[in-house]
Amino acid sequence: MDKSKVFGDGMKGIVKHAKPSQHEEFCESVRRVSEAICGLVEAAAQAAYLVGIADPSSVAGRKGLVNHSQFYQASQVNLLITYGL
């Protein structure tokens, strides 16, 4: 629920700060929305996992299609480019 509220508030902030070209506030609102979306996706994945393991017919999973280390590396490169770290 908290992430949904942060998402909604961030979306309002995006609209509010885009019109008068308040760039810093706009970027902060976009950051909040992106963090809220990540939190919502994580919560959905955890809920799906819990539902899956609770099912008596559930079987062990297999290796995923996504390489998580590549996503992490890409996010680090993005931070370096964005913030010049």
PDB file of N, CA and C in Angstrom:
ATOM      1  N   MET A   1       0.831  -1.198   0.000  1.00  0.00           N
ATOM      2  CA  MET A   1       0.000   0.000   0.000  1.00  0.00           C
ATOM      3  C   MET A   1       0.875   1.262   0.000  1.00  0.00           C
ATOM      4  N   ASP A   2       1.950   1.227   0.767  1.00  0.00           N
ATOM      5  CA  ASP A   2       2.827   2.398   0.836  1.00  0.00           C
ATOM      6  C   ASP A   2       3.428   2.721  -0.528  1.00  0.00           C
ATOM      7  N   LYS A   3       3.872   1.680  -1.236  1.00  0.00           N
ATOM      8  CA  LYS A   3       4.475   1.898  -2.560  1.00  0.00           C
ATOM      9  C   LYS A   3       3.445   2.456  -3.537  1.00  0.00           C
ATOM     10  N   SER A   4       2.201   2.019  -3.429  1.00  0.00           N
ATOM     11  CA  SER A   4       1.155   2.535  -4.313  1.00  0.00           C
ATOM     12  C   SER A   4       0.905   4.018  -4.050  1.00  0.00           C
ATOM     13  N   LYS A   5       0.939   4.398  -2.779  1.00  0.00           N
ATOM     14  CA  LYS A   5       0.749   5.805  -2.420  1.00  0.00           C
ATOM     15  C   LYS A   5       1.909   6.646  -2.942  1.00  0.00           C
ATOM     16  N   VAL A   6       3.144   6.155  -2.757  1.00  0.00           N
ATOM     17  CA  VAL A   6       4.319   6.868  -3.260  1.00  0.00           C
ATOM     18  C   VAL A   6       4.244   7.000  -4.779  1.00  0.00           C
ATOM     19  N   PHE A   7       3.802   5.941  -5.438  1.00  0.00           N
ATOM     20  CA  PHE A   7       3.631   5.969  -6.894  1.00  0.00           C
ATOM     21  C   PHE A   7       2.648   7.067  -7.308  1.00  0.00           C
ATOM     22  N   GLY A   8       1.491   7.081  -6.664  1.00  0.00           N
ATOM     23  CA  GLY A   8       0.467   8.085  -6.986  1.00  0.00           C
ATOM     24  C   GLY A   8       0.958   9.500  -6.726  1.00  0.00           C
ATOM     25  N   ASP A   9       1.624   9.705  -5.582  1.00  0.00           N
ATOM     26  CA  ASP A   9       2.151  11.025  -5.267  1.00  0.00           C
ATOM     27  C   ASP A   9       3.226  11.444  -6.267  1.00  0.00           C
ATOM     28  N   GLY A  10       4.061  10.491  -6.667  1.00  0.00           N
ATOM     29  CA  GLY A  10       5.102  10.791  -7.649  1.00  0.00           C
ATOM     30  C   GLY A  10       4.518  11.178  -8.993  1.00  0.00           C
ATOM     31  N   MET A  11       3.471  10.478  -9.403  1.00  0.00           N
ATOM     32  CA  MET A  11       2.830  10.802 -10.681  1.00  0.00           C
ATOM     33  C   MET A  11       2.229  12.207 -10.633  1.00  0.00           C
ATOM     34  N   LYS A  12       1.619  12.558  -9.494  1.00  0.00           N
ATOM     35  CA  LYS A  12       1.083  13.915  -9.350  1.00  0.00           C
ATOM     36  C   LYS A  12       2.210  14.937  -9.437  1.00  0.00           C
ATOM     37  N   GLY A  13       3.344  14.605  -8.809  1.00  0.00           N
ATOM     38  CA  GLY A  13       4.490  15.502  -8.842  1.00  0.00           C
ATOM     39  C   GLY A  13       5.039  15.686 -10.240  1.00  0.00           C
ATOM     40  N   ILE A  14       5.052  14.603 -11.016  1.00  0.00           N
ATOM     41  CA  ILE A  14       5.537  14.699 -12.400  1.00  0.00           C
ATOM     42  C   ILE A  14       4.689  15.707 -13.181  1.00  0.00           C
ATOM     43  N   VAL A  15       3.385  15.582 -13.067  1.00  0.00           N
ATOM     44  CA  VAL A  15       2.485  16.483 -13.782  1.00  0.00           C
ATOM     45  C   VAL A  15       2.642  17.914 -13.264  1.00  0.00           C
ATOM     46  N   LYS A  16       2.700  18.052 -11.956  1.00  0.00           N
ATOM     47  CA  LYS A  16       2.787  19.378 -11.337  1.00  0.00           C
ATOM     48  C   LYS A  16       4.072  20.106 -11.738  1.00  0.00           C
ATOM     49  N   HIS A  17       5.196  19.404 -11.770  1.00  0.00           N
ATOM     50  CA  HIS A  17       6.481  20.050 -12.001  1.00  0.00           C
ATOM     51  C   HIS A  17       6.883  20.110 -13.480  1.00  0.00           C
ATOM     52  N   ALA A  18       6.207  19.364 -14.329  1.00  0.00           N
ATOM     53  CA  ALA A  18       6.546  19.383 -15.753  1.00  0.00           C
ATOM     54  C   ALA A  18       6.075  20.672 -16.420  1.00  0.00           C
ATOM     55  N   LYS A  19       4.895  21.116 -16.068  1.00  0.00           N
ATOM     56  CA  LYS A  19       4.319  22.294 -16.720  1.00  0.00           C
ATOM     57  C   LYS A  19       5.149  23.563 -16.486  1.00  0.00           C
ATOM     58  N   PRO A  20       5.523  23.863 -15.229  1.00  0.00           N
ATOM     59  CA  PRO A  20       6.312  25.097 -15.021  1.00  0.00           C
ATOM     60  C   PRO A  20       7.824  24.897 -15.212  1.00  0.00           C
ATOM     61  N   SER A  21       8.212  23.755 -15.776  1.00  0.00           N
ATOM     62  CA  SER A  21       9.629  23.443 -16.036  1.00  0.00           C
ATOM     63  C   SER A  21      10.487  23.487 -14.771  1.00  0.00           C
ATOM     64  N   GLN A  22       9.983  22.900 -13.706  1.00  0.00           N
ATOM     65  CA  GLN A  22      10.749  22.769 -12.460  1.00  0.00           C
ATOM     66  C   GLN A  22      11.534  21.463 -12.555  1.00  0.00           C
ATOM     67  N   HIS A  23      12.713  21.543 -13.147  1.00  0.00           N
ATOM     68  CA  HIS A  23      13.469  20.356 -13.529  1.00  0.00           C
ATOM     69  C   HIS A  23      13.909  19.502 -12.341  1.00  0.00           C
ATOM     70  N   GLU A  24      14.417  20.118 -11.296  1.00  0.00           N
ATOM     71  CA  GLU A  24      14.892  19.346 -10.135  1.00  0.00           C
ATOM     72  C   GLU A  24      13.738  18.586  -9.480  1.00  0.00           C
ATOM     73  N   GLU A  25      12.626  19.273  -9.275  1.00  0.00           N
ATOM     74  CA  GLU A  25      11.457  18.644  -8.647  1.00  0.00           C
ATOM     75  C   GLU A  25      10.883  17.558  -9.552  1.00  0.00           C
ATOM     76  N   PHE A  26      10.880  17.820 -10.852  1.00  0.00           N
ATOM     77  CA  PHE A  26      10.401  16.831 -11.820  1.00  0.00           C
ATOM     78  C   PHE A  26      11.249  15.557 -11.735  1.00  0.00           C
ATOM     79  N   CYS A  27      12.569  15.723 -11.725  1.00  0.00           N
ATOM     80  CA  CYS A  27      13.469  14.564 -11.644  1.00  0.00           C
ATOM     81  C   CYS A  27      13.267  13.795 -10.342  1.00  0.00           C
ATOM     82  N   GLU A  28      13.069  14.502  -9.257  1.00  0.00           N
ATOM     83  CA  GLU A  28      12.822  13.840  -7.968  1.00  0.00           C
ATOM     84  C   GLU A  28      11.523  13.037  -8.022  1.00  0.00           C
ATOM     85  N   SER A  29      10.500  13.578  -8.651  1.00  0.00           N
ATOM     86  CA  SER A  29       9.230  12.851  -8.786  1.00  0.00           C
ATOM     87  C   SER A  29       9.399  11.610  -9.647  1.00  0.00           C
ATOM     88  N   VAL A  30      10.159  11.718 -10.721  1.00  0.00           N
ATOM     89  CA  VAL A  30      10.424  10.563 -11.582  1.00  0.00           C
ATOM     90  C   VAL A  30      11.178   9.490 -10.788  1.00  0.00           C
ATOM     91  N   ARG A  31      12.159   9.910  -9.974  1.00  0.00           N
ATOM     92  CA  ARG A  31      12.914   8.961  -9.150  1.00  0.00           C
ATOM     93  C   ARG A  31      11.988   8.234  -8.179  1.00  0.00           C
ATOM     94  N   ARG A  32      11.085   8.985  -7.551  1.00  0.00           N
ATOM     95  CA  ARG A  32      10.134   8.363  -6.609  1.00  0.00           C
ATOM     96  C   ARG A  32       9.244   7.344  -7.314  1.00  0.00           C
ATOM     97  N   VAL A  33       8.751   7.709  -8.491  1.00  0.00           N
ATOM     98  CA  VAL A  33       7.892   6.796  -9.250  1.00  0.00           C
ATOM     99  C   VAL A  33       8.667   5.533  -9.608  1.00  0.00           C
ATOM    100  N   SER A  34       9.899   5.701 -10.059  1.00  0.00           N
ATOM    101  CA  SER A  34      10.682   4.530 -10.461  1.00  0.00           C
ATOM    102  C   SER A  34      10.962   3.622  -9.271  1.00  0.00           C
ATOM    103  N   GLU A  35      11.291   4.199  -8.117  1.00  0.00           N
ATOM    104  CA  GLU A  35      11.513   3.381  -6.916  1.00  0.00           C
ATOM    105  C   GLU A  35      10.225   2.677  -6.482  1.00  0.00           C
ATOM    106  N   ALA A  36       9.098   3.371  -6.589  1.00  0.00           N
ATOM    107  CA  ALA A  36       7.819   2.762  -6.223  1.00  0.00           C
ATOM    108  C   ALA A  36       7.491   1.597  -7.145  1.00  0.00           C
ATOM    109  N   ILE A  37       7.734   1.772  -8.435  1.00  0.00           N
ATOM    110  CA  ILE A  37       7.471   0.690  -9.392  1.00  0.00           C
ATOM    111  C   ILE A  37       8.355  -0.512  -9.080  1.00  0.00           C
ATOM    112  N   CYS A  38       9.626  -0.265  -8.808  1.00  0.00           N
ATOM    113  CA  CYS A  38      10.522  -1.374  -8.444  1.00  0.00           C
ATOM    114  C   CYS A  38      10.012  -2.091  -7.193  1.00  0.00           C
ATOM    115  N   GLY A  39       9.574  -1.330  -6.205  1.00  0.00           N
ATOM    116  CA  GLY A  39       9.041  -1.929  -4.981  1.00  0.00           C
ATOM    117  C   GLY A  39       7.782  -2.736  -5.240  1.00  0.00           C
ATOM    118  N   LEU A  40       6.910  -2.231  -6.094  1.00  0.00           N
ATOM    119  CA  LEU A  40       5.680  -2.952  -6.425  1.00  0.00           C
ATOM    120  C   LEU A  40       5.983  -4.251  -7.167  1.00  0.00           C
ATOM    121  N   VAL A  41       6.948  -4.216  -8.077  1.00  0.00           N
ATOM    122  CA  VAL A  41       7.323  -5.424  -8.820  1.00  0.00           C
ATOM    123  C   VAL A  41       7.944  -6.445  -7.867  1.00  0.00           C
ATOM    124  N   GLU A  42       8.800  -5.978  -6.956  1.00  0.00           N
ATOM    125  CA  GLU A  42       9.406  -6.890  -5.980  1.00  0.00           C
ATOM    126  C   GLU A  42       8.332  -7.539  -5.112  1.00  0.00           C
ATOM    127  N   ALA A  43       7.367  -6.744  -4.655  1.00  0.00           N
ATOM    128  CA  ALA A  43       6.287  -7.278  -3.820  1.00  0.00           C
ATOM    129  C   ALA A  43       5.451  -8.294  -4.590  1.00  0.00           C
ATOM    130  N   ALA A  44       5.179  -8.011  -5.861  1.00  0.00           N
ATOM    131  CA  ALA A  44       4.410  -8.948  -6.679  1.00  0.00           C
ATOM    132  C   ALA A  44       5.175 -10.253  -6.874  1.00  0.00           C
ATOM    133  N   ALA A  45       6.486 -10.154  -7.094  1.00  0.00           N
ATOM    134  CA  ALA A  45       7.301 -11.366  -7.271  1.00  0.00           C
ATOM    135  C   ALA A  45       7.328 -12.185  -5.982  1.00  0.00           C
ATOM    136  N   GLN A  46       7.454 -11.517  -4.852  1.00  0.00           N
ATOM    137  CA  GLN A  46       7.456 -12.233  -3.575  1.00  0.00           C
ATOM    138  C   GLN A  46       6.111 -12.904  -3.320  1.00  0.00           C
ATOM    139  N   ALA A  47       5.034 -12.205  -3.645  1.00  0.00           N
ATOM    140  CA  ALA A  47       3.699 -12.788  -3.457  1.00  0.00           C
ATOM    141  C   ALA A  47       3.522 -14.005  -4.358  1.00  0.00           C
ATOM    142  N   ALA A  48       3.975 -13.892  -5.601  1.00  0.00           N
ATOM    143  CA  ALA A  48       3.864 -15.028  -6.525  1.00  0.00           C
ATOM    144  C   ALA A  48       4.677 -16.213  -6.016  1.00  0.00           C
ATOM    145  N   TYR A  49       5.853 -15.942  -5.479  1.00  0.00           N
ATOM    146  CA  TYR A  49       6.692 -17.006  -4.924  1.00  0.00           C
ATOM    147  C   TYR A  49       5.977 -17.699  -3.766  1.00  0.00           C
ATOM    148  N   LEU A  50       5.417 -16.909  -2.859  1.00  0.00           N
ATOM    149  CA  LEU A  50       4.728 -17.493  -1.703  1.00  0.00           C
ATOM    150  C   LEU A  50       3.514 -18.319  -2.127  1.00  0.00           C
ATOM    151  N   VAL A  51       2.783 -17.845  -3.108  1.00  0.00           N
ATOM    152  CA  VAL A  51       1.637 -18.612  -3.615  1.00  0.00           C
ATOM    153  C   VAL A  51       2.134 -19.911  -4.235  1.00  0.00           C
ATOM    154  N   GLY A  52       3.232 -19.816  -4.985  1.00  0.00           N
ATOM    155  CA  GLY A  52       3.774 -21.004  -5.644  1.00  0.00           C
ATOM    156  C   GLY A  52       4.241 -22.066  -4.671  1.00  0.00           C
ATOM    157  N   ILE A  53       4.969 -21.667  -3.628  1.00  0.00           N
ATOM    158  CA  ILE A  53       5.478 -22.672  -2.696  1.00  0.00           C
ATOM    159  C   ILE A  53       4.386 -23.229  -1.793  1.00  0.00           C
ATOM    160  N   ALA A  54       3.287 -22.501  -1.671  1.00  0.00           N
ATOM    161  CA  ALA A  54       2.180 -22.985  -0.839  1.00  0.00           C
ATOM    162  C   ALA A  54       1.367 -24.061  -1.551  1.00  0.00           C
ATOM    163  N   ASP A  55       1.470 -24.127  -2.861  1.00  0.00           N
ATOM    164  CA  ASP A  55       0.714 -25.107  -3.637  1.00  0.00           C
ATOM    165  C   ASP A  55       1.371 -26.479  -3.484  1.00  0.00           C
ATOM    166  N   PRO A  56       0.627 -27.477  -3.034  1.00  0.00           N
ATOM    167  CA  PRO A  56       1.209 -28.798  -2.825  1.00  0.00           C
ATOM    168  C   PRO A  56       1.750 -29.452  -4.106  1.00  0.00           C
ATOM    169  N   SER A  57       1.242 -29.045  -5.247  1.00  0.00           N
ATOM    170  CA  SER A  57       1.724 -29.640  -6.497  1.00  0.00           C
ATOM    171  C   SER A  57       2.923 -28.874  -7.075  1.00  0.00           C
ATOM    172  N   SER A  58       3.410 -27.903  -6.338  1.00  0.00           N
ATOM    173  CA  SER A  58       4.526 -27.083  -6.809  1.00  0.00           C
ATOM    174  C   SER A  58       5.813 -27.909  -6.894  1.00  0.00           C
ATOM    175  N   VAL A  59       6.609 -27.651  -7.914  1.00  0.00           N
ATOM    176  CA  VAL A  59       7.902 -28.323  -8.085  1.00  0.00           C
ATOM    177  C   VAL A  59       8.998 -27.261  -8.116  1.00  0.00           C
ATOM    178  N   ALA A  60      10.220 -27.675  -7.885  1.00  0.00           N
ATOM    179  CA  ALA A  60      11.355 -26.750  -7.879  1.00  0.00           C
ATOM    180  C   ALA A  60      11.489 -26.070  -9.239  1.00  0.00           C
ATOM    181  N   GLY A  61      11.866 -24.812  -9.207  1.00  0.00           N
ATOM    182  CA  GLY A  61      12.022 -24.045 -10.438  1.00  0.00           C
ATOM    183  C   GLY A  61      13.312 -24.373 -11.160  1.00  0.00           C
ATOM    184  N   ARG A  62      13.457 -23.781 -12.306  1.00  0.00           N
ATOM    185  CA  ARG A  62      14.685 -23.941 -13.079  1.00  0.00           C
ATOM    186  C   ARG A  62      15.294 -22.560 -13.292  1.00  0.00           C
ATOM    187  N   LYS A  63      16.489 -22.535 -13.789  1.00  0.00           N
ATOM    188  CA  LYS A  63      17.208 -21.295 -13.974  1.00  0.00           C
ATOM    189  C   LYS A  63      16.389 -20.326 -14.831  1.00  0.00           C
ATOM    190  N   GLY A  64      16.375 -19.071 -14.409  1.00  0.00           N
ATOM    191  CA  GLY A  64      15.592 -18.053 -15.108  1.00  0.00           C
ATOM    192  C   GLY A  64      16.165 -17.672 -16.460  1.00  0.00           C
ATOM    193  N   LEU A  65      15.353 -16.962 -17.226  1.00  0.00           N
ATOM    194  CA  LEU A  65      15.753 -16.520 -18.554  1.00  0.00           C
ATOM    195  C   LEU A  65      16.593 -15.249 -18.511  1.00  0.00           C
ATOM    196  N   VAL A  66      16.564 -14.549 -17.377  1.00  0.00           N
ATOM    197  CA  VAL A  66      17.227 -13.266 -17.250  1.00  0.00           C
ATOM    198  C   VAL A  66      18.507 -13.420 -16.434  1.00  0.00           C
ATOM    199  N   ASN A  67      19.590 -12.808 -16.916  1.00  0.00           N
ATOM    200  CA  ASN A  67      20.851 -12.808 -16.190  1.00  0.00           C
ATOM    201  C   ASN A  67      20.867 -11.590 -15.263  1.00  0.00           C
ATOM    202  N   HIS A  68      20.648 -11.808 -13.978  1.00  0.00           N
ATOM    203  CA  HIS A  68      20.523 -10.717 -13.022  1.00  0.00           C
ATOM    204  C   HIS A  68      21.809  -9.908 -12.893  1.00  0.00           C
ATOM    205  N   SER A  69      22.944 -10.545 -13.031  1.00  0.00           N
ATOM    206  CA  SER A  69      24.200  -9.803 -12.909  1.00  0.00           C
ATOM    207  C   SER A  69      24.358  -8.801 -14.050  1.00  0.00           C
ATOM    208  N   GLN A  70      23.863  -9.117 -15.233  1.00  0.00           N
ATOM    209  CA  GLN A  70      23.924  -8.163 -16.344  1.00  0.00           C
ATOM    210  C   GLN A  70      23.039  -6.950 -16.085  1.00  0.00           C
ATOM    211  N   PHE A  71      21.864  -7.172 -15.483  1.00  0.00           N
ATOM    212  CA  PHE A  71      21.003  -6.051 -15.129  1.00  0.00           C
ATOM    213  C   PHE A  71      21.671  -5.162 -14.092  1.00  0.00           C
ATOM    214  N   TYR A  72      22.309  -5.788 -13.097  1.00  0.00           N
ATOM    215  CA  TYR A  72      22.996  -5.024 -12.060  1.00  0.00           C
ATOM    216  C   TYR A  72      24.128  -4.206 -12.673  1.00  0.00           C
ATOM    217  N   GLN A  73      24.915  -4.825 -13.535  1.00  0.00           N
ATOM    218  CA  GLN A  73      26.024  -4.114 -14.170  1.00  0.00           C
ATOM    219  C   GLN A  73      25.511  -2.951 -15.018  1.00  0.00           C
ATOM    220  N   ALA A  74      24.434  -3.168 -15.731  1.00  0.00           N
ATOM    221  CA  ALA A  74      23.856  -2.099 -16.555  1.00  0.00           C
ATOM    222  C   ALA A  74      23.370  -0.948 -15.681  1.00  0.00           C
ATOM    223  N   SER A  75      22.778  -1.270 -14.528  1.00  0.00           N
ATOM    224  CA  SER A  75      22.302  -0.198 -13.644  1.00  0.00           C
ATOM    225  C   SER A  75      23.476   0.597 -13.091  1.00  0.00           C
ATOM    226  N   GLN A  76      24.591  -0.069 -12.816  1.00  0.00           N
ATOM    227  CA  GLN A  76      25.768   0.631 -12.311  1.00  0.00           C
ATOM    228  C   GLN A  76      26.356   1.550 -13.382  1.00  0.00           C
ATOM    229  N   VAL A  77      26.394   1.086 -14.614  1.00  0.00           N
ATOM    230  CA  VAL A  77      26.881   1.909 -15.715  1.00  0.00           C
ATOM    231  C   VAL A  77      25.961   3.119 -15.894  1.00  0.00           C
ATOM    232  N   ASN A  78      24.654   2.889 -15.773  1.00  0.00           N
ATOM    233  CA  ASN A  78      23.685   3.973 -15.893  1.00  0.00           C
ATOM    234  C   ASN A  78      23.930   5.024 -14.819  1.00  0.00           C
ATOM    235  N   LEU A  79      24.222   4.600 -13.590  1.00  0.00           N
ATOM    236  CA  LEU A  79      24.515   5.557 -12.521  1.00  0.00           C
ATOM    237  C   LEU A  79      25.772   6.358 -12.844  1.00  0.00           C
ATOM    238  N   LEU A  80      26.765   5.677 -13.364  1.00  0.00           N
ATOM    239  CA  LEU A  80      28.010   6.370 -13.717  1.00  0.00           C
ATOM    240  C   LEU A  80      27.774   7.422 -14.787  1.00  0.00           C
ATOM    241  N   ILE A  81      26.997   7.065 -15.780  1.00  0.00           N
ATOM    242  CA  ILE A  81      26.707   7.999 -16.873  1.00  0.00           C
ATOM    243  C   ILE A  81      25.828   9.136 -16.389  1.00  0.00           C
ATOM    244  N   THR A  82      24.788   8.809 -15.627  1.00  0.00           N
ATOM    245  CA  THR A  82      23.825   9.816 -15.190  1.00  0.00           C
ATOM    246  C   THR A  82      24.434  10.806 -14.215  1.00  0.00           C
ATOM    247  N   TYR A  83      25.155  10.283 -13.232  1.00  0.00           N
ATOM    248  CA  TYR A  83      25.641  11.147 -12.158  1.00  0.00           C
ATOM    249  C   TYR A  83      27.136  11.416 -12.238  1.00  0.00           C
ATOM    250  N   GLY A  84      27.813  10.873 -13.228  1.00  0.00           N
ATOM    251  CA  GLY A  84      29.235  11.112 -13.401  1.00  0.00           C
ATOM    252  C   GLY A  84      30.064  10.594 -12.241  1.00  0.00           C
ATOM    253  N   LEU A  85      29.634   9.467 -11.665  1.00  0.00           N
ATOM    254  CA  LEU A  85      30.360   8.901 -10.515  1.00  0.00           C
ATOM    255  C   LEU A  85      31.608   8.190 -10.937  1.00  0.00           C
TER     256      LEU A  85
END
